[in-house]
PDB file of N, CA and C in Angstrom:
ATOM      1  N   MET A   1     -20.041  20.208  -1.589  1.00  0.00           N
ATOM      2  CA  MET A   1     -19.214  19.330  -0.797  1.00  0.00           C
ATOM      3  C   MET A   1     -17.774  19.431  -1.278  1.00  0.00           C
ATOM      4  N   LYS A   2     -16.837  19.248  -0.345  1.00  0.00           N
ATOM      5  CA  LYS A   2     -15.404  19.311  -0.638  1.00  0.00           C
ATOM      6  C   LYS A   2     -14.727  18.004  -0.209  1.00  0.00           C
ATOM      7  N   LEU A   3     -13.629  17.682  -0.867  1.00  0.00           N
ATOM      8  CA  LEU A   3     -12.779  16.568  -0.466  1.00  0.00           C
ATOM      9  C   LEU A   3     -11.430  17.147  -0.082  1.00  0.00           C
ATOM     10  N   VAL A   4     -11.019  16.882   1.153  1.00  0.00           N
ATOM     11  CA  VAL A   4      -9.752  17.383   1.672  1.00  0.00           C
ATOM     12  C   VAL A   4      -8.739  16.251   1.627  1.00  0.00           C
ATOM     13  N   PHE A   5      -7.611  16.493   0.966  1.00  0.00           N
ATOM     14  CA  PHE A   5      -6.456  15.602   1.000  1.00  0.00           C
ATOM     15  C   PHE A   5      -5.446  16.270   1.921  1.00  0.00           C
ATOM     16  N   ALA A   6      -5.118  15.629   3.029  1.00  0.00           N
ATOM     17  CA  ALA A   6      -4.138  16.190   3.961  1.00  0.00           C
ATOM     18  C   ALA A   6      -2.981  15.214   4.088  1.00  0.00           C
ATOM     19  N   ILE A   7      -1.792  15.657   3.711  1.00  0.00           N
ATOM     20  CA  ILE A   7      -0.590  14.827   3.818  1.00  0.00           C
ATOM     21  C   ILE A   7       0.156  15.301   5.058  1.00  0.00           C
ATOM     22  N   VAL A   8       0.229  14.419   6.056  1.00  0.00           N
ATOM     23  CA  VAL A   8       0.839  14.779   7.333  1.00  0.00           C
ATOM     24  C   VAL A   8       1.944  13.790   7.671  1.00  0.00           C
ATOM     25  N   HIS A   9       2.837  14.189   8.559  1.00  0.00           N
ATOM     26  CA  HIS A   9       3.922  13.323   9.031  1.00  0.00           C
ATOM     27  C   HIS A   9       3.312  12.135   9.763  1.00  0.00           C
ATOM     28  N   ASP A  10       3.931  10.952   9.623  1.00  0.00           N
ATOM     29  CA  ASP A  10       3.419   9.756  10.293  1.00  0.00           C
ATOM     30  C   ASP A  10       3.202   9.964  11.788  1.00  0.00           C
ATOM     31  N   GLU A  11       4.093  10.712  12.428  1.00  0.00           N
ATOM     32  CA  GLU A  11       3.979  10.938  13.876  1.00  0.00           C
ATOM     33  C   GLU A  11       2.716  11.730  14.223  1.00  0.00           C
ATOM     34  N   ASP A  12       2.196  12.517  13.288  1.00  0.00           N
ATOM     35  CA  ASP A  12       1.019  13.344  13.534  1.00  0.00           C
ATOM     36  C   ASP A  12      -0.280  12.697  13.062  1.00  0.00           C
ATOM     37  N   GLY A  13      -0.180  11.692  12.203  1.00  0.00           N
ATOM     38  CA  GLY A  13      -1.368  11.111  11.575  1.00  0.00           C
ATOM     39  C   GLY A  13      -2.428  10.654  12.557  1.00  0.00           C
ATOM     40  N   HIS A  14      -2.020   9.920  13.591  1.00  0.00           N
ATOM     41  CA  HIS A  14      -2.981   9.394  14.560  1.00  0.00           C
ATOM     42  C   HIS A  14      -3.683  10.531  15.316  1.00  0.00           C
ATOM     43  N   ARG A  15      -2.903  11.537  15.732  1.00  0.00           N
ATOM     44  CA  ARG A  15      -3.490  12.675  16.467  1.00  0.00           C
ATOM     45  C   ARG A  15      -4.502  13.430  15.614  1.00  0.00           C
ATOM     46  N   VAL A  16      -4.171  13.636  14.349  1.00  0.00           N
ATOM     47  CA  VAL A  16      -5.082  14.362  13.450  1.00  0.00           C
ATOM     48  C   VAL A  16      -6.371  13.563  13.253  1.00  0.00           C
ATOM     49  N   MET A  17      -6.230  12.261  12.980  1.00  0.00           N
ATOM     50  CA  MET A  17      -7.413  11.415  12.780  1.00  0.00           C
ATOM     51  C   MET A  17      -8.298  11.379  14.020  1.00  0.00           C
ATOM     52  N   GLU A  18      -7.672  11.217  15.162  1.00  0.00           N
ATOM     53  CA  GLU A  18      -8.417  11.148  16.415  1.00  0.00           C
ATOM     54  C   GLU A  18      -9.226  12.429  16.655  1.00  0.00           C
ATOM     55  N   GLU A  19      -8.598  13.568  16.425  1.00  0.00           N
ATOM     56  CA  GLU A  19      -9.278  14.847  16.646  1.00  0.00           C
ATOM     57  C   GLU A  19     -10.403  15.070  15.635  1.00  0.00           C
ATOM     58  N   LEU A  20     -10.164  14.689  14.373  1.00  0.00           N
ATOM     59  CA  LEU A  20     -11.216  14.813  13.368  1.00  0.00           C
ATOM     60  C   LEU A  20     -12.414  13.930  13.730  1.00  0.00           C
ATOM     61  N   ASN A  21     -12.138  12.674  14.124  1.00  0.00           N
ATOM     62  CA  ASN A  21     -13.217  11.758  14.529  1.00  0.00           C
ATOM     63  C   ASN A  21     -13.979  12.288  15.736  1.00  0.00           C
ATOM     64  N   LYS A  22     -13.234  12.830  16.706  1.00  0.00           N
ATOM     65  CA  LYS A  22     -13.855  13.367  17.913  1.00  0.00           C
ATOM     66  C   LYS A  22     -14.815  14.514  17.580  1.00  0.00           C
ATOM     67  N   ASN A  23     -14.528  15.227  16.482  1.00  0.00           N
ATOM     68  CA  ASN A  23     -15.372  16.348  16.062  1.00  0.00           C
ATOM     69  C   ASN A  23     -16.407  15.950  15.012  1.00  0.00           C
ATOM     70  N   GLY A  24     -16.589  14.634  14.815  1.00  0.00           N
ATOM     71  CA  GLY A  24     -17.655  14.147  13.947  1.00  0.00           C
ATOM     72  C   GLY A  24     -17.318  13.999  12.478  1.00  0.00           C
ATOM     73  N   PHE A  25     -16.039  14.077  12.112  1.00  0.00           N
ATOM     74  CA  PHE A  25     -15.642  13.941  10.718  1.00  0.00           C
ATOM     75  C   PHE A  25     -15.136  12.526  10.448  1.00  0.00           C
ATOM     76  N   SER A  26     -15.597  11.917   9.359  1.00  0.00           N
ATOM     77  CA  SER A  26     -15.105  10.609   8.946  1.00  0.00           C
ATOM     78  C   SER A  26     -13.821  10.794   8.148  1.00  0.00           C
ATOM     79  N   VAL A  27     -12.869   9.897   8.364  1.00  0.00           N
ATOM     80  CA  VAL A  27     -11.546  10.032   7.748  1.00  0.00           C
ATOM     81  C   VAL A  27     -11.129   8.698   7.144  1.00  0.00           C
ATOM     82  N   THR A  28     -10.539   8.754   5.955  1.00  0.00           N
ATOM     83  CA  THR A  28      -9.905   7.583   5.355  1.00  0.00           C
ATOM     84  C   THR A  28      -8.411   7.821   5.363  1.00  0.00           C
ATOM     85  N   LYS A  29      -7.655   6.824   5.840  1.00  0.00           N
ATOM     86  CA  LYS A  29      -6.193   6.938   5.957  1.00  0.00           C
ATOM     87  C   LYS A  29      -5.523   6.113   4.863  1.00  0.00           C
ATOM     88  N   MET A  30      -4.533   6.727   4.217  1.00  0.00           N
ATOM     89  CA  MET A  30      -3.706   6.025   3.232  1.00  0.00           C
ATOM     90  C   MET A  30      -2.247   6.229   3.617  1.00  0.00           C
ATOM     91  N   CYS A  31      -1.460   5.169   3.530  1.00  0.00           N
ATOM     92  CA  CYS A  31      -0.024   5.295   3.795  1.00  0.00           C
ATOM     93  C   CYS A  31       0.651   5.813   2.528  1.00  0.00           C
ATOM     94  N   SER A  32       1.615   6.698   2.707  1.00  0.00           N
ATOM     95  CA  SER A  32       2.338   7.267   1.575  1.00  0.00           C
ATOM     96  C   SER A  32       3.753   7.599   2.017  1.00  0.00           C
ATOM     97  N   SER A  33       4.593   7.943   1.076  1.00  0.00           N
ATOM     98  CA  SER A  33       5.955   8.350   1.430  1.00  0.00           C
ATOM     99  C   SER A  33       6.343   9.556   0.601  1.00  0.00           C
ATOM    100  N   GLY A  34       7.169  10.404   1.213  1.00  0.00           N
ATOM    101  CA  GLY A  34       7.597  11.623   0.551  1.00  0.00           C
ATOM    102  C   GLY A  34       8.727  11.361  -0.430  1.00  0.00           C
ATOM    103  N   GLY A  35       8.842  12.212  -1.413  1.00  0.00           N
ATOM    104  CA  GLY A  35       9.867  12.047  -2.426  1.00  0.00           C
ATOM    105  C   GLY A  35      11.229  12.551  -2.002  1.00  0.00           C
ATOM    106  N   PHE A  36      11.281  13.559  -1.121  1.00  0.00           N
ATOM    107  CA  PHE A  36      12.561  14.153  -0.745  1.00  0.00           C
ATOM    108  C   PHE A  36      13.289  13.331   0.310  1.00  0.00           C
ATOM    109  N   LEU A  37      12.651  13.105   1.449  1.00  0.00           N
ATOM    110  CA  LEU A  37      13.298  12.362   2.533  1.00  0.00           C
ATOM    111  C   LEU A  37      12.999  10.876   2.478  1.00  0.00           C
ATOM    112  N   LYS A  38      12.118  10.458   1.597  1.00  0.00           N
ATOM    113  CA  LYS A  38      11.691   9.063   1.496  1.00  0.00           C
ATOM    114  C   LYS A  38      11.098   8.577   2.817  1.00  0.00           C
ATOM    115  N   ALA A  39      10.584   9.497   3.615  1.00  0.00           N
ATOM    116  CA  ALA A  39      10.027   9.164   4.921  1.00  0.00           C
ATOM    117  C   ALA A  39       8.539   8.881   4.794  1.00  0.00           C
ATOM    118  N   GLY A  40       8.015   8.156   5.770  1.00  0.00           N
ATOM    119  CA  GLY A  40       6.603   7.812   5.765  1.00  0.00           C
ATOM    120  C   GLY A  40       5.722   9.009   6.044  1.00  0.00           C
ATOM    121  N   ASN A  41       4.644   9.094   5.313  1.00  0.00           N
ATOM    122  CA  ASN A  41       3.623  10.106   5.519  1.00  0.00           C
ATOM    123  C   ASN A  41       2.289   9.395   5.715  1.00  0.00           C
ATOM    124  N   THR A  42       1.327  10.125   6.171  1.00  0.00           N
ATOM    125  CA  THR A  42      -0.041   9.652   6.226  1.00  0.00           C
ATOM    126  C   THR A  42      -0.869  10.614   5.388  1.00  0.00           C
ATOM    127  N   THR A  43      -1.603  10.065   4.426  1.00  0.00           N
ATOM    128  CA  THR A  43      -2.491  10.884   3.617  1.00  0.00           C
ATOM    129  C   THR A  43      -3.909  10.626   4.092  1.00  0.00           C
ATOM    130  N   LEU A  44      -4.579  11.682   4.516  1.00  0.00           N
ATOM    131  CA  LEU A  44      -5.938  11.585   5.038  1.00  0.00           C
ATOM    132  C   LEU A  44      -6.914  12.168   4.034  1.00  0.00           C
ATOM    133  N   LEU A  45      -8.035  11.489   3.836  1.00  0.00           N
ATOM    134  CA  LEU A  45      -9.096  11.958   2.953  1.00  0.00           C
ATOM    135  C   LEU A  45     -10.321  12.246   3.814  1.00  0.00           C
ATOM    136  N   VAL A  46     -10.851  13.455   3.684  1.00  0.00           N
ATOM    137  CA  VAL A  46     -12.010  13.858   4.476  1.00  0.00           C
ATOM    138  C   VAL A  46     -13.027  14.508   3.552  1.00  0.00           C
ATOM    139  N   GLY A  47     -14.207  13.906   3.457  1.00  0.00           N
ATOM    140  CA  GLY A  47     -15.313  14.527   2.743  1.00  0.00           C
ATOM    141  C   GLY A  47     -16.063  15.423   3.712  1.00  0.00           C
ATOM    142  N   VAL A  48     -16.296  16.666   3.314  1.00  0.00           N
ATOM    143  CA  VAL A  48     -16.886  17.625   4.247  1.00  0.00           C
ATOM    144  C   VAL A  48     -17.763  18.620   3.505  1.00  0.00           C
ATOM    145  N   ASP A  49     -18.856  19.010   4.164  1.00  0.00           N
ATOM    146  CA  ASP A  49     -19.680  20.090   3.616  1.00  0.00           C
ATOM    147  C   ASP A  49     -18.879  21.386   3.660  1.00  0.00           C
ATOM    148  N   GLU A  50     -19.137  22.239   2.697  1.00  0.00           N
ATOM    149  CA  GLU A  50     -18.348  23.466   2.551  1.00  0.00           C
ATOM    150  C   GLU A  50     -18.359  24.340   3.813  1.00  0.00           C
ATOM    151  N   ASP A  51     -19.471  24.359   4.538  1.00  0.00           N
ATOM    152  CA  ASP A  51     -19.544  25.199   5.735  1.00  0.00           C
ATOM    153  C   ASP A  51     -18.699  24.666   6.894  1.00  0.00           C
ATOM    154  N   LYS A  52     -18.236  23.423   6.815  1.00  0.00           N
ATOM    155  CA  LYS A  52     -17.381  22.830   7.862  1.00  0.00           C
ATOM    156  C   LYS A  52     -15.912  22.738   7.433  1.00  0.00           C
ATOM    157  N   LEU A  53     -15.597  23.219   6.233  1.00  0.00           N
ATOM    158  CA  LEU A  53     -14.240  23.114   5.692  1.00  0.00           C
ATOM    159  C   LEU A  53     -13.204  23.799   6.583  1.00  0.00           C
ATOM    160  N   ASP A  54     -13.502  24.999   7.043  1.00  0.00           N
ATOM    161  CA  ASP A  54     -12.553  25.714   7.899  1.00  0.00           C
ATOM    162  C   ASP A  54     -12.291  24.973   9.206  1.00  0.00           C
ATOM    163  N   ASP A  55     -13.296  24.275   9.736  1.00  0.00           N
ATOM    164  CA  ASP A  55     -13.112  23.485  10.959  1.00  0.00           C
ATOM    165  C   ASP A  55     -12.121  22.357  10.727  1.00  0.00           C
ATOM    166  N   VAL A  56     -12.258  21.661   9.600  1.00  0.00           N
ATOM    167  CA  VAL A  56     -11.349  20.551   9.278  1.00  0.00           C
ATOM    168  C   VAL A  56      -9.923  21.059   9.128  1.00  0.00           C
ATOM    169  N   ILE A  57      -9.749  22.137   8.400  1.00  0.00           N
ATOM    170  CA  ILE A  57      -8.412  22.691   8.182  1.00  0.00           C
ATOM    171  C   ILE A  57      -7.801  23.149   9.503  1.00  0.00           C
ATOM    172  N   ALA A  58      -8.599  23.757  10.372  1.00  0.00           N
ATOM    173  CA  ALA A  58      -8.095  24.214  11.678  1.00  0.00           C
ATOM    174  C   ALA A  58      -7.619  23.034  12.528  1.00  0.00           C
ATOM    175  N   ILE A  59      -8.347  21.931  12.506  1.00  0.00           N
ATOM    176  CA  ILE A  59      -7.940  20.743  13.264  1.00  0.00           C
ATOM    177  C   ILE A  59      -6.627  20.189  12.723  1.00  0.00           C
ATOM    178  N   ILE A  60      -6.508  20.111  11.414  1.00  0.00           N
ATOM    179  CA  ILE A  60      -5.269  19.601  10.809  1.00  0.00           C
ATOM    180  C   ILE A  60      -4.090  20.494  11.189  1.00  0.00           C
ATOM    181  N   GLU A  61      -4.281  21.802  11.108  1.00  0.00           N
ATOM    182  CA  GLU A  61      -3.207  22.739  11.473  1.00  0.00           C
ATOM    183  C   GLU A  61      -2.823  22.600  12.941  1.00  0.00           C
ATOM    184  N   LYS A  62      -3.811  22.422  13.796  1.00  0.00           N
ATOM    185  CA  LYS A  62      -3.565  22.340  15.237  1.00  0.00           C
ATOM    186  C   LYS A  62      -2.804  21.070  15.620  1.00  0.00           C
ATOM    187  N   LYS A  63      -3.107  19.954  14.955  1.00  0.00           N
ATOM    188  CA  LYS A  63      -2.551  18.659  15.358  1.00  0.00           C
ATOM    189  C   LYS A  63      -1.335  18.201  14.555  1.00  0.00           C
ATOM    190  N   SER A  64      -0.931  18.936  13.539  1.00  0.00           N
ATOM    191  CA  SER A  64       0.254  18.556  12.756  1.00  0.00           C
ATOM    192  C   SER A  64       1.266  19.696  12.800  1.00  0.00           C
ATOM    193  N   LYS A  65       2.307  19.499  13.553  1.00  0.00           N
ATOM    194  CA  LYS A  65       3.305  20.540  13.794  1.00  0.00           C
ATOM    195  C   LYS A  65       4.589  20.285  13.013  1.00  0.00           C
ATOM    196  N   SER A  66       5.195  21.359  12.540  1.00  0.00           N
ATOM    197  CA  SER A  66       6.516  21.272  11.915  1.00  0.00           C
ATOM    198  C   SER A  66       7.576  21.171  12.996  1.00  0.00           C
ATOM    199  N   ARG A  67       8.645  20.462  12.697  1.00  0.00           N
ATOM    200  CA  ARG A  67       9.767  20.355  13.630  1.00  0.00           C
ATOM    201  C   ARG A  67      11.057  20.201  12.845  1.00  0.00           C
ATOM    202  N   ARG A  68      12.163  20.512  13.501  1.00  0.00           N
ATOM    203  CA  ARG A  68      13.481  20.382  12.875  1.00  0.00           C
ATOM    204  C   ARG A  68      14.038  18.997  13.186  1.00  0.00           C
ATOM    205  N   GLN A  69      14.692  18.385  12.200  1.00  0.00           N
ATOM    206  CA  GLN A  69      15.259  17.051  12.361  1.00  0.00           C
ATOM    207  C   GLN A  69      16.592  17.001  11.621  1.00  0.00           C
ATOM    208  N   VAL A  70      17.556  16.333  12.204  1.00  0.00           N
ATOM    209  CA  VAL A  70      18.852  16.170  11.564  1.00  0.00           C
ATOM    210  C   VAL A  70      18.861  14.837  10.824  1.00  0.00           C
ATOM    211  N   ILE A  71      19.207  14.882   9.532  1.00  0.00           N
ATOM    212  CA  ILE A  71      19.313  13.668   8.726  1.00  0.00           C
ATOM    213  C   ILE A  71      20.707  13.591   8.133  1.00  0.00           C
ATOM    214  N   ASN A  72      21.132  12.392   7.771  1.00  0.00           N
ATOM    215  CA  ASN A  72      22.415  12.211   7.092  1.00  0.00           C
ATOM    216  C   ASN A  72      22.168  12.180   5.592  1.00  0.00           C
ATOM    217  N   THR A  73      22.855  13.059   4.883  1.00  0.00           N
ATOM    218  CA  THR A  73      22.718  13.154   3.445  1.00  0.00           C
ATOM    219  C   THR A  73      24.025  12.753   2.785  1.00  0.00           C
ATOM    220  N   PRO A  74      23.967  11.898   1.773  1.00  0.00           N
ATOM    221  CA  PRO A  74      25.212  11.540   1.095  1.00  0.00           C
ATOM    222  C   PRO A  74      25.769  12.712   0.291  1.00  0.00           C
ATOM    223  N   ALA A  75      27.074  12.878   0.338  1.00  0.00           N
ATOM    224  CA  ALA A  75      27.738  13.917  -0.449  1.00  0.00           C
ATOM    225  C   ALA A  75      28.928  13.302  -1.149  1.00  0.00           C
ATOM    226  N   SER A  76      29.128  13.646  -2.387  1.00  0.00           N
ATOM    227  CA  SER A  76      30.233  13.098  -3.155  1.00  0.00           C
ATOM    228  C   SER A  76      31.547  13.699  -2.682  1.00  0.00           C
ATOM    229  N   SER A  77      32.559  12.844  -2.541  1.00  0.00           N
ATOM    230  CA  SER A  77      33.879  13.339  -2.154  1.00  0.00           C
ATOM    231  C   SER A  77      34.596  13.954  -3.345  1.00  0.00           C
ATOM    232  N   GLY A  78      34.057  13.746  -4.527  1.00  0.00           N
ATOM    233  CA  GLY A  78      34.649  14.314  -5.731  1.00  0.00           C
ATOM    234  C   GLY A  78      35.804  13.495  -6.278  1.00  0.00           C
ATOM    235  N   GLY A  79      36.096  12.385  -5.657  1.00  0.00           N
ATOM    236  CA  GLY A  79      37.196  11.539  -6.104  1.00  0.00           C
ATOM    237  C   GLY A  79      36.832  10.725  -7.323  1.00  0.00           C
ATOM    238  N   ILE A  80      37.822  10.068  -7.881  1.00  0.00           N
ATOM    239  CA  ILE A  80      37.616   9.247  -9.064  1.00  0.00           C
ATOM    240  C   ILE A  80      36.705   8.064  -8.759  1.00  0.00           C
ATOM    241  N   ASN A  81      36.812   7.539  -7.554  1.00  0.00           N
ATOM    242  CA  ASN A  81      36.012   6.377  -7.186  1.00  0.00           C
ATOM    243  C   ASN A  81      34.542   6.717  -6.966  1.00  0.00           C
ATOM    244  N   GLY A  82      34.200   7.980  -6.941  1.00  0.00           N
ATOM    245  CA  GLY A  82      32.827   8.394  -6.719  1.00  0.00           C
ATOM    246  C   GLY A  82      32.328   8.033  -5.326  1.00  0.00           C
ATOM    247  N   MET A  83      33.214   8.120  -4.345  1.00  0.00           N
ATOM    248  CA  MET A  83      32.879   7.753  -2.978  1.00  0.00           C
ATOM    249  C   MET A  83      31.904   8.761  -2.363  1.00  0.00           C
ATOM    250  N   PHE A  84      30.966   8.260  -1.576  1.00  0.00           N
ATOM    251  CA  PHE A  84      30.003   9.118  -0.916  1.00  0.00           C
ATOM    252  C   PHE A  84      30.228   9.084   0.590  1.00  0.00           C
ATOM    253  N   MET A  85      30.210  10.261   1.195  1.00  0.00           N
ATOM    254  CA  MET A  85      30.369  10.382   2.645  1.00  0.00           C
ATOM    255  C   MET A  85      29.134  11.077   3.196  1.00  0.00           C
ATOM    256  N   PRO A  86      28.466  10.467   4.187  1.00  0.00           N
ATOM    257  CA  PRO A  86      27.286  11.123   4.737  1.00  0.00           C
ATOM    258  C   PRO A  86      27.668  12.333   5.587  1.00  0.00           C
ATOM    259  N   TYR A  87      26.821  13.347   5.565  1.00  0.00           N
ATOM    260  CA  TYR A  87      27.017  14.493   6.443  1.00  0.00           C
ATOM    261  C   TYR A  87      25.652  14.931   6.965  1.00  0.00           C
ATOM    262  N   PRO A  88      25.601  15.420   8.211  1.00  0.00           N
ATOM    263  CA  PRO A  88      24.310  15.789   8.799  1.00  0.00           C
ATOM    264  C   PRO A  88      23.781  17.116   8.252  1.00  0.00           C
ATOM    265  N   VAL A  89      22.473  17.138   8.013  1.00  0.00           N
ATOM    266  CA  VAL A  89      21.786  18.331   7.543  1.00  0.00           C
ATOM    267  C   VAL A  89      20.507  18.480   8.364  1.00  0.00           C
ATOM    268  N   GLU A  90      20.226  19.694   8.813  1.00  0.00           N
ATOM    269  CA  GLU A  90      18.991  19.935   9.552  1.00  0.00           C
ATOM    270  C   GLU A  90      17.904  20.357   8.574  1.00  0.00           C
ATOM    271  N   VAL A  91      16.767  19.661   8.628  1.00  0.00           N
ATOM    272  CA  VAL A  91      15.640  19.959   7.739  1.00  0.00           C
ATOM    273  C   VAL A  91      14.367  20.113   8.569  1.00  0.00           C
ATOM    274  N   THR A  92      13.377  20.767   7.985  1.00  0.00           N
ATOM    275  CA  THR A  92      12.072  20.887   8.622  1.00  0.00           C
ATOM    276  C   THR A  92      11.196  19.733   8.142  1.00  0.00           C
ATOM    277  N   VAL A  93      10.609  18.999   9.091  1.00  0.00           N
ATOM    278  CA  VAL A  93       9.692  17.913   8.765  1.00  0.00           C
ATOM    279  C   VAL A  93       8.368  18.176   9.471  1.00  0.00           C
ATOM    280  N   GLY A  94       7.371  17.437   9.078  1.00  0.00           N
ATOM    281  CA  GLY A  94       6.065  17.580   9.727  1.00  0.00           C
ATOM    282  C   GLY A  94       5.236  18.652   9.068  1.00  0.00           C
ATOM    283  N   GLY A  95       4.290  19.163   9.821  1.00  0.00           N
ATOM    284  CA  GLY A  95       3.344  20.103   9.241  1.00  0.00           C
ATOM    285  C   GLY A  95       2.352  19.346   8.381  1.00  0.00           C
ATOM    286  N   ALA A  96       1.713  20.024   7.491  1.00  0.00           N
ATOM    287  CA  ALA A  96       0.731  19.376   6.620  1.00  0.00           C
ATOM    288  C   ALA A  96       0.696  20.070   5.272  1.00  0.00           C
ATOM    289  N   THR A  97       0.431  19.268   4.253  1.00  0.00           N
ATOM    290  CA  THR A  97       0.125  19.797   2.927  1.00  0.00           C
ATOM    291  C   THR A  97      -1.330  19.447   2.674  1.00  0.00           C
ATOM    292  N   ILE A  98      -2.137  20.462   2.409  1.00  0.00           N
ATOM    293  CA  ILE A  98      -3.582  20.268   2.312  1.00  0.00           C
ATOM    294  C   ILE A  98      -4.067  20.683   0.927  1.00  0.00           C
ATOM    295  N   PHE A  99      -4.796  19.774   0.289  1.00  0.00           N
ATOM    296  CA  PHE A  99      -5.450  20.055  -0.988  1.00  0.00           C
ATOM    297  C   PHE A  99      -6.955  19.964  -0.761  1.00  0.00           C
ATOM    298  N   VAL A 100      -7.699  20.886  -1.338  1.00  0.00           N
ATOM    299  CA  VAL A 100      -9.163  20.866  -1.249  1.00  0.00           C
ATOM    300  C   VAL A 100      -9.706  20.879  -2.674  1.00  0.00           C
ATOM    301  N   VAL A 101     -10.557  19.893  -2.971  1.00  0.00           N
ATOM    302  CA  VAL A 101     -11.148  19.813  -4.308  1.00  0.00           C
ATOM    303  C   VAL A 101     -12.671  19.744  -4.197  1.00  0.00           C
ATOM    304  N   ASP A 102     -13.338  20.239  -5.216  1.00  0.00           N
ATOM    305  CA  ASP A 102     -14.797  20.176  -5.270  1.00  0.00           C
ATOM    306  C   ASP A 102     -15.231  18.743  -5.562  1.00  0.00           C
ATOM    307  N   VAL A 103     -16.336  18.341  -4.950  1.00  0.00           N
ATOM    308  CA  VAL A 103     -16.921  17.029  -5.200  1.00  0.00           C
ATOM    309  C   VAL A 103     -18.195  17.250  -6.002  1.00  0.00           C
ATOM    310  N   GLU A 104     -18.209  16.689  -7.193  1.00  0.00           N
ATOM    311  CA  GLU A 104     -19.372  16.860  -8.050  1.00  0.00           C
ATOM    312  C   GLU A 104     -20.543  16.016  -7.589  1.00  0.00           C
ATOM    313  N   LYS A 105     -20.243  14.781  -7.133  1.00  0.00           N
ATOM    314  CA  LYS A 105     -21.287  13.868  -6.718  1.00  0.00           C
ATOM    315  C   LYS A 105     -20.757  13.009  -5.581  1.00  0.00           C
ATOM    316  N   PHE A 106     -21.639  12.650  -4.628  1.00  0.00           N
ATOM    317  CA  PHE A 106     -21.254  11.827  -3.491  1.00  0.00           C
ATOM    318  C   PHE A 106     -22.353  10.806  -3.219  1.00  0.00           C
ATOM    319  N   HIS A 107     -21.964   9.534  -3.125  1.00  0.00           N
ATOM    320  CA  HIS A 107     -22.904   8.459  -2.782  1.00  0.00           C
ATOM    321  C   HIS A 107     -22.269   7.603  -1.702  1.00  0.00           C
ATOM    322  N   LYS A 108     -23.038   7.279  -0.687  1.00  0.00           N
ATOM    323  CA  LYS A 108     -22.563   6.346   0.332  1.00  0.00           C
ATOM    324  C   LYS A 108     -23.500   5.151   0.286  1.00  0.00           C
ATOM    325  N   VAL A 109     -22.963   3.973  -0.051  1.00  0.00           N
ATOM    326  CA  VAL A 109     -23.807   2.782  -0.196  1.00  0.00           C
ATOM    327  C   VAL A 109     -23.453   1.732   0.826  1.00  0.00           C
TER     328      VAL A 109
END
């Protein structure tokens, strides 16, 4: 058995969960936030038999898409006052980060 940790963009979380459920996979949702953009993420936990692992990963890939987004990033003006001026930067958000770990033991009570 495997445990899949999938960190997806908040906008994709519902679609990924819905598709996994529709295909018979149970999902646990945890709210999380990223360290770089401080934006909301959804962390999904899916316990799956090894022979169904590729199906779970394919669903996550299909339902979580990367996209470009413009954000305002503070930049120092270099002055003595240490003033910060925001400037727009285009970054890639979304997609998924997927971790798969072995499960030594599983009990459902």
